C-alpha atoms as a PDB file:
ATOM      1  CA  MET A   1      10.314 -10.080  -8.744  1.00  0.00           C
ATOM      2  CA  LEU A   2       9.057  -7.183 -10.855  1.00  0.00           C
ATOM      3  CA  THR A   3      11.431  -4.292 -11.412  1.00  0.00           C
ATOM      4  CA  VAL A   4      10.926  -0.939 -13.058  1.00  0.00           C
ATOM      5  CA  SER A   5      13.496   1.091 -14.923  1.00  0.00           C
ATOM      6  CA  ILE A   6      13.917   4.476 -13.230  1.00  0.00           C
ATOM      7  CA  ILE A   7      16.928   5.897 -15.037  1.00  0.00           C
ATOM      8  CA  GLN A   8      18.926   4.432 -17.884  1.00  0.00           C
ATOM      9  CA  GLY A   9      20.665   1.369 -16.520  1.00  0.00           C
ATOM     10  CA  GLU A  10      19.123   1.589 -13.025  1.00  0.00           C
ATOM     11  CA  SER A  11      16.076  -0.177 -11.664  1.00  0.00           C
ATOM     12  CA  MET A  12      14.186  -0.784  -8.436  1.00  0.00           C
ATOM     13  CA  LYS A  13      11.548  -3.194  -7.197  1.00  0.00           C
ATOM     14  CA  LEU A  14       8.089  -2.201  -8.316  1.00  0.00           C
ATOM     15  CA  SER A  15       6.807  -2.629  -4.760  1.00  0.00           C
ATOM     16  CA  GLU A  16       9.132   0.181  -3.614  1.00  0.00           C
ATOM     17  CA  ILE A  17       7.191   2.734  -5.675  1.00  0.00           C
ATOM     18  CA  TYR A  18       3.918   2.193  -3.801  1.00  0.00           C
ATOM     19  CA  ARG A  19       3.050   5.024  -1.396  1.00  0.00           C
ATOM     20  CA  MET A  20       5.706   7.340  -2.879  1.00  0.00           C
ATOM     21  CA  ASP A  21       4.689  10.984  -3.250  1.00  0.00           C
ATOM     22  CA  ILE A  22       4.343  12.280  -6.810  1.00  0.00           C
ATOM     23  CA  TYR A  23       5.510  15.809  -7.665  1.00  0.00           C
ATOM     24  CA  SER A  24       5.579  17.750 -10.917  1.00  0.00           C
ATOM     25  CA  ASP A  25       8.875  19.218 -12.055  1.00  0.00           C
ATOM     26  CA  ALA A  26       7.394  22.589 -11.023  1.00  0.00           C
ATOM     27  CA  GLY A  27       7.201  21.353  -7.413  1.00  0.00           C
ATOM     28  CA  GLN A  28       3.426  20.766  -7.328  1.00  0.00           C
ATOM     29  CA  TYR A  29       2.297  17.854  -5.141  1.00  0.00           C
ATOM     30  CA  LEU A  30       0.079  15.620  -7.279  1.00  0.00           C
ATOM     31  CA  GLY A  31      -0.649  12.658  -5.027  1.00  0.00           C
ATOM     32  CA  GLU A  32       0.674   9.310  -3.893  1.00  0.00           C
ATOM     33  CA  VAL A  33       1.277   6.129  -5.895  1.00  0.00           C
ATOM     34  CA  GLN A  34      -1.574   3.782  -4.992  1.00  0.00           C
ATOM     35  CA  ASP A  35      -1.392   1.328  -7.868  1.00  0.00           C
ATOM     36  CA  VAL A  36       0.446   0.573 -11.103  1.00  0.00           C
ATOM     37  CA  ILE A  37      -0.762  -0.518 -14.542  1.00  0.00           C
ATOM     38  CA  ILE A  38       1.610  -2.806 -16.417  1.00  0.00           C
ATOM     39  CA  ASP A  39       1.484  -3.342 -20.180  1.00  0.00           C
ATOM     40  CA  LEU A  40       2.045  -7.098 -20.292  1.00  0.00           C
ATOM     41  CA  GLU A  41       2.570  -7.158 -24.056  1.00  0.00           C
ATOM     42  CA  ARG A  42       5.444  -4.676 -23.814  1.00  0.00           C
ATOM     43  CA  GLY A  43       6.639  -5.804 -20.402  1.00  0.00           C
ATOM     44  CA  GLU A  44       6.737  -2.281 -18.989  1.00  0.00           C
ATOM     45  CA  VAL A  45       4.943   0.017 -16.586  1.00  0.00           C
ATOM     46  CA  SER A  46       2.253   2.013 -18.389  1.00  0.00           C
ATOM     47  CA  ARG A  47       0.747   4.207 -15.646  1.00  0.00           C
ATOM     48  CA  LEU A  48       1.036   5.166 -12.007  1.00  0.00           C
ATOM     49  CA  LEU A  49      -2.358   5.498 -10.342  1.00  0.00           C
ATOM     50  CA  MET A  50      -3.090   7.880  -7.491  1.00  0.00           C
ATOM     51  CA  VAL A  51      -6.178   5.878  -6.513  1.00  0.00           C
ATOM     52  CA  PRO A  52      -6.445   2.136  -5.913  1.00  0.00           C
ATOM     53  CA  TRP A  53      -7.412   0.302  -9.128  1.00  0.00           C
ATOM     54  CA  LYS A  54     -10.473  -1.277  -7.507  1.00  0.00           C
ATOM     55  CA  SER A  55     -11.913   2.190  -6.787  1.00  0.00           C
ATOM     56  CA  THR A  56     -12.006   3.068 -10.535  1.00  0.00           C
ATOM     57  CA  LYS A  57     -14.903   0.708 -11.293  1.00  0.00           C
ATOM     58  CA  GLY A  58     -17.557   3.333 -12.086  1.00  0.00           C
ATOM     59  CA  ASP A  59     -16.035   5.376 -14.892  1.00  0.00           C
ATOM     60  CA  ALA A  60     -12.557   3.946 -15.299  1.00  0.00           C
ATOM     61  CA  LYS A  61     -11.522   6.243 -18.184  1.00  0.00           C
ATOM     62  CA  THR A  62     -12.347   9.395 -16.221  1.00  0.00           C
ATOM     63  CA  SER A  63     -10.594   8.107 -13.121  1.00  0.00           C
ATOM     64  CA  LEU A  64      -7.535   7.108 -15.115  1.00  0.00           C
ATOM     65  CA  ARG A  65      -7.454  10.405 -17.003  1.00  0.00           C
ATOM     66  CA  ASN A  66      -7.704  12.503 -13.844  1.00  0.00           C
ATOM     67  CA  LYS A  67      -5.899  10.353 -11.287  1.00  0.00           C
ATOM     68  CA  SER A  68      -3.004   8.715 -13.106  1.00  0.00           C
ATOM     69  CA  ILE A  69       0.327   9.572 -14.676  1.00  0.00           C
ATOM     70  CA  LEU A  70       1.684   8.072 -17.874  1.00  0.00           C
ATOM     71  CA  TYR A  71       4.918   6.379 -16.889  1.00  0.00           C
ATOM     72  CA  LYS A  72       6.696   7.915 -19.877  1.00  0.00           C
ATOM     73  CA  ASN A  73       6.203  11.294 -18.121  1.00  0.00           C
ATOM     74  CA  VAL A  74       8.194  10.113 -15.093  1.00  0.00           C
ATOM     75  CA  LYS A  75      11.545  11.893 -15.004  1.00  0.00           C
ATOM     76  CA  ASN A  76      13.012  10.314 -11.885  1.00  0.00           C
ATOM     77  CA  VAL A  77      12.182   8.007  -8.995  1.00  0.00           C
ATOM     78  CA  SER A  78      14.184   8.380  -5.801  1.00  0.00           C
ATOM     79  CA  ASP A  79      12.639   9.523  -2.534  1.00  0.00           C
ATOM     80  CA  VAL A  80       9.699  10.840  -4.578  1.00  0.00           C
ATOM     81  CA  VAL A  81       8.370  10.354  -8.098  1.00  0.00           C
ATOM     82  CA  LEU A  82       9.134  13.377 -10.283  1.00  0.00           C
ATOM     83  CA  VAL A  83       6.991  13.835 -13.404  1.00  0.00           C
ATOM     84  CA  SER A  84       7.376  16.209 -16.324  1.00  0.00           C
ATOM     85  CA  SER A  85       3.851  17.599 -16.397  1.00  0.00           C
ATOM     86  CA  PRO A  86       0.988  17.923 -13.927  1.00  0.00           C
ATOM     87  CA  ILE A  87      -2.400  16.269 -14.324  1.00  0.00           C
ATOM     88  CA  GLY A  88      -4.666  18.167 -16.681  1.00  0.00           C
ATOM     89  CA  GLY A  89      -1.884  19.435 -18.916  1.00  0.00           C
ATOM     90  CA  THR A  90      -2.328  20.613 -22.501  1.00  0.00           C
ATOM     91  CA  GLN A  91      -5.192  19.488 -24.713  1.00  0.00           C
ATOM     92  CA  GLU A  92      -2.686  17.586 -26.851  1.00  0.00           C
ATOM     93  CA  ALA A  93      -1.407  15.722 -23.789  1.00  0.00           C
ATOM     94  CA  LYS A  94      -4.970  14.914 -22.719  1.00  0.00           C
ATOM     95  CA  LYS A  95      -5.752  13.512 -26.196  1.00  0.00           C
ATOM     96  CA  GLU A  96      -2.604  11.383 -26.066  1.00  0.00           C
ATOM     97  CA  GLU A  97      -3.616  10.035 -22.648  1.00  0.00           C
ATOM     98  CA  VAL A  98      -7.134   9.204 -23.857  1.00  0.00           C
ATOM     99  CA  ASP A  99      -5.680   7.455 -26.905  1.00  0.00           C
ATOM    100  CA  ASP A 100      -3.371   5.497 -24.574  1.00  0.00           C
ATOM    101  CA  LEU A 101      -6.395   4.334 -22.551  1.00  0.00           C
ATOM    102  CA  SER A 102      -8.007   2.898 -25.682  1.00  0.00           C
ATOM    103  CA  ARG A 103      -5.229   0.353 -26.307  1.00  0.00           C
END
């Protein structure tokens, strides 16, 4: 069973996150969790995807940059996923996300 840490000391089954709505902390609806990328070396969730992974085949970097959330930006998971910044944030955030994709 795979679990994901949602708040310090609390966790939930990874399968429970699928189909959850994603909102920014400003209340903007961003999408729905369709898939998850797991960093196997670190043993942690890396990204939440708002499109199914198999649909990113063409230009995966662009799809991941525009249709995913870095899991470190997740503030809370309860009835919805709450993230600290919307897609397409600052240039610095975009560079960090591109660098993350290169690993």
